[in-house]
Each structure stands twice: as structure tokens, then as C-alpha cells.
């Protein structure tokens, strides 16, 4: 069995992780968790531009590792929380650097489903790395301008239940 992949995009505090866990339960699937959280925790700082490529590659390797585990366990889905492409988006927003964008787009194009979490839920600080609703809006704008015209994204809005239901309705052969 070769698991299918779902990639999540969206700014901070748009419900990506909560959605990933809910989808993993509903489908079923395994979640490839966000390396950026580990980076901030382990290094005690936010990344610099020099860190971005390593974060991108580590997120990509995390997804590949979870894909192997899912195949071995015969779990049909892997949810990337988030896509490695999000590192490229953050590079544009925080550093005005688009050097990872083409690689990120090519990687994302190979996913079966691409979900874009809207910033229509309350922004909540996490005490480690979140920068605020303004940055969340900037990230959403970059996704709208640079990613959405290129990749087939499904925009998710509303409550968690609404987002899960919309996802399950749009996934081919989700059962």
C-alpha cells in the first residue's frame, strides 16, 4: 500500500494542527508534525534566513519518514502539518526571500490533496513562536498571491467540524 498525502497550508493559529489530528482520526492517517516547533523549542529562538533551507529539508524528510511508517502499518493517509512549502511562504513573509518557493511548489504538486486553512478562527498565542494576527494575515496573503494561482488548493473555513466535513467531501475515495 502506498499512502496518499494531504498537505496543510495556512498561517499561524489557523487550526492546521487541530485539523491534522482530526483528519488522522477520521480517515485514518498519520500526521507528519511540524519541525519548526521543534526547532524553536530545541534552539530557543526563531529561525533566521540561514536556517530556512534546513527547516524545509527536515520537514520534507519528516513527511517521507511518516510515509514509510504509514506504508508499513497499511495506514492510507499521511497529513503533512504543514507542507514543507510553508517554510518557503515564511521565508517570503519574514525575509522577503523566495529562494525555496519553486522547490516547495514542486514538492507540493505531488500531494494528493492540498488544504488551505483560512484565518477565520480566533488567533491564540502559543507562548513560543506566534507573532500575531498581522503576520497570520500576511501569510494568508502570500498563499493567495503566490500559491493558490499555481496549485489546486481547497480553502477551508468555519469550525473544525465544518473543515473536516468539507475535507472529507472533497477527498476522492476517502473511505
Protein backbone atom coordinates (compact mmCIF):
# COMPACT_ATOMS: atom_id res chain seq x y z
CA UNK A 1 0.00 0.00 0.00
CA UNK A 2 1.24 3.46 -0.92
CA UNK A 3 -0.35 6.07 1.37
CA UNK A 4 -1.82 9.21 -0.10
CA UNK A 5 -0.72 12.62 1.15
CA UNK A 6 -2.62 15.64 2.40
CA UNK A 7 -0.69 18.87 2.78
CA UNK A 8 -1.79 21.70 5.03
CA UNK A 9 -1.13 25.37 4.39
CA UNK A 10 -2.12 28.38 6.44
CA UNK A 11 -0.79 30.98 8.81
CA UNK A 12 -0.21 30.54 12.49
CA UNK A 13 -3.26 29.80 14.60
CA UNK A 14 -5.47 28.79 11.67
CA UNK A 15 -6.20 25.35 13.10
CA UNK A 16 -3.81 23.27 10.98
CA UNK A 17 -2.60 21.02 13.78
CA UNK A 18 -6.08 20.52 15.22
CA UNK A 19 -7.35 19.72 11.73
CA UNK A 20 -4.46 17.32 11.07
CA UNK A 21 -5.26 15.35 14.21
CA UNK A 22 -8.99 15.26 13.41
CA UNK A 23 -8.31 14.09 9.86
CA UNK A 24 -5.89 11.43 11.10
CA UNK A 25 -8.71 10.05 13.24
CA UNK A 26 -11.38 10.33 10.55
CA UNK A 27 -9.53 8.89 7.55
CA UNK A 28 -7.40 7.20 9.23
CA UNK A 29 -3.93 8.65 8.79
CA UNK A 30 -0.62 9.50 10.38
CA UNK A 31 0.48 13.11 10.95
CA UNK A 32 3.91 14.38 9.90
CA UNK A 33 4.32 17.03 12.58
CA UNK A 34 5.81 20.49 12.13
CA UNK A 35 9.58 20.60 12.54
CA UNK A 36 9.54 24.38 13.03
CA UNK A 37 8.02 23.89 16.52
CA UNK A 38 10.88 21.54 17.43
CA UNK A 39 13.43 23.99 16.03
CA UNK A 40 12.14 26.86 18.17
CA UNK A 41 11.98 24.65 21.26
CA UNK A 42 15.37 23.00 20.74
CA UNK A 43 17.33 26.13 19.79
CA UNK A 44 15.41 28.57 21.98
CA UNK A 45 14.96 31.05 19.16
CA UNK A 46 13.08 31.70 15.97
CA UNK A 47 14.83 30.78 12.72
CA UNK A 48 16.94 33.12 10.65
CA UNK A 49 17.11 33.15 6.86
CA UNK A 50 20.16 30.87 7.08
CA UNK A 51 18.02 28.26 8.88
CA UNK A 52 15.18 28.15 6.36
CA UNK A 53 16.56 25.61 3.90
CA UNK A 54 17.42 23.17 6.70
CA UNK A 55 13.93 23.54 8.16
CA UNK A 56 12.41 22.95 4.72
CA UNK A 57 14.52 19.83 4.13
CA UNK A 58 13.84 18.48 7.62
CA UNK A 59 10.08 18.91 7.15
CA UNK A 60 10.37 17.13 3.80
CA UNK A 61 12.29 14.24 5.44
CA UNK A 62 9.73 14.09 8.25
CA UNK A 63 6.96 13.57 5.71
CA UNK A 64 8.99 10.89 3.91
CA UNK A 65 9.65 9.07 7.20
CA UNK A 66 5.98 9.14 8.14
CA UNK A 67 5.09 7.91 4.64
CA UNK A 68 7.31 4.85 5.19
CA UNK A 69 5.74 4.22 8.60
CA UNK A 70 2.23 4.56 7.16
CA UNK A 71 3.03 2.16 4.32
CA UNK A 72 4.41 -0.37 6.78
CA UNK A 73 1.33 -0.05 9.03
CA UNK A 74 -1.01 -0.02 6.00
CA UNK A 75 -2.43 3.36 7.01
CA UNK A 76 -3.92 5.00 3.92
CA UNK A 77 -3.18 8.69 4.58
CA UNK A 78 -0.35 10.96 5.73
CA UNK A 79 -1.17 14.52 6.72
CA UNK A 80 1.73 16.97 6.46
CA UNK A 81 1.26 19.58 9.19
CA UNK A 82 2.32 21.67 7.41
CA UNK A 83 3.60 21.14 3.90
CA UNK A 84 7.31 21.88 3.53
CA UNK A 85 6.08 24.67 1.24
CA UNK A 86 5.06 26.63 4.35
CA UNK A 87 8.76 27.21 5.08
CA UNK A 88 9.05 28.88 1.68
CA UNK A 89 5.99 31.01 2.47
CA UNK A 90 7.51 32.03 5.81
CA UNK A 91 10.75 32.92 4.01
CA UNK A 92 8.82 35.29 1.76
CA UNK A 93 6.89 36.85 4.66
CA UNK A 94 9.72 37.19 7.18
CA UNK A 95 12.81 37.58 4.99
CA UNK A 96 11.49 38.71 1.58
CA UNK A 97 13.25 35.64 0.18
CA UNK A 98 11.64 33.40 -2.43
CA UNK A 99 14.59 31.03 -2.98
CA UNK A 100 12.66 28.00 -1.63
CA UNK A 101 9.43 28.75 -3.47
CA UNK A 102 9.93 26.76 -6.68
CA UNK A 103 11.21 23.70 -4.80
CA UNK A 104 8.29 23.97 -2.38
CA UNK A 105 5.75 24.28 -5.19
CA UNK A 106 7.21 21.25 -6.99
CA UNK A 107 7.10 19.21 -3.77
CA UNK A 108 3.51 20.26 -3.01
CA UNK A 109 2.35 19.45 -6.55
CA UNK A 110 2.98 15.76 -5.82
CA UNK A 111 0.46 15.70 -2.95
CA UNK A 112 -2.98 14.18 -3.43
CA UNK A 113 -4.86 16.90 -1.52
CA UNK A 114 -3.81 20.44 -0.58
CA UNK A 115 -5.78 22.20 2.14
CA UNK A 116 -5.57 25.92 2.94
CA UNK A 117 -6.76 26.90 6.42
CA UNK A 118 -8.40 30.32 6.47
CA UNK A 119 -7.63 32.77 9.28
CA UNK A 120 -11.29 32.98 10.26
CA UNK A 121 -10.83 31.49 13.71
CA UNK A 122 -9.60 33.28 16.81
CA UNK A 123 -5.84 33.86 16.91
CA UNK A 124 -4.36 32.25 20.03
CA UNK A 125 -0.78 32.78 21.25
CA UNK A 126 1.20 29.63 21.95
CA UNK A 127 3.95 31.21 24.05
CA UNK A 128 6.78 30.11 21.78
CA UNK A 129 6.69 31.26 18.19
CA UNK A 130 3.49 33.02 17.17
CA UNK A 131 3.86 36.59 16.01
CA UNK A 132 0.25 37.77 15.89
CA UNK A 133 -2.78 38.21 13.69
CA UNK A 134 -0.94 40.64 11.39
CA UNK A 135 1.63 38.01 10.42
CA UNK A 136 -1.12 35.44 10.04
CA UNK A 137 -2.84 37.77 7.55
CA UNK A 138 0.43 38.37 5.71
CA UNK A 139 0.98 34.62 5.37
CA UNK A 140 -2.58 34.17 4.10
CA UNK A 141 -2.00 36.93 1.54
CA UNK A 142 1.22 35.28 0.27
CA UNK A 143 -0.60 31.96 -0.11
CA UNK A 144 -3.39 33.73 -2.01
CA UNK A 145 -0.99 35.56 -4.31
CA UNK A 146 1.84 33.07 -4.89
CA UNK A 147 0.48 29.59 -4.15
CA UNK A 148 -3.25 29.49 -4.92
CA UNK A 149 -2.84 30.53 -8.59
CA UNK A 150 -0.33 27.70 -9.12
CA UNK A 151 -1.67 24.76 -7.07
CA UNK A 152 -5.18 23.30 -6.64
CA UNK A 153 -5.89 24.37 -3.05
CA UNK A 154 -9.09 23.65 -1.14
CA UNK A 155 -9.86 26.63 1.10
CA UNK A 156 -11.22 25.62 4.50
CA UNK A 157 -13.30 27.97 6.63
CA UNK A 158 -15.50 27.69 9.67
CA UNK A 159 -15.40 25.39 12.66
CA UNK A 160 -13.26 22.29 12.98
CA UNK A 161 -16.27 20.10 12.23
CA UNK A 162 -17.03 22.14 9.10
CA UNK A 163 -13.42 21.92 7.95
CA UNK A 164 -13.27 18.15 8.48
CA UNK A 165 -16.62 17.63 6.71
CA UNK A 166 -15.54 19.80 3.75
CA UNK A 167 -12.26 17.90 3.50
CA UNK A 168 -13.94 14.50 3.60
CA UNK A 169 -16.37 15.62 0.87
CA UNK A 170 -13.53 16.77 -1.41
CA UNK A 171 -11.16 13.83 -0.95
CA UNK A 172 -11.50 11.26 -3.71
CA UNK A 173 -12.15 7.78 -2.31
CA UNK A 174 -11.73 8.90 1.32
CA UNK A 175 -13.35 5.72 2.56
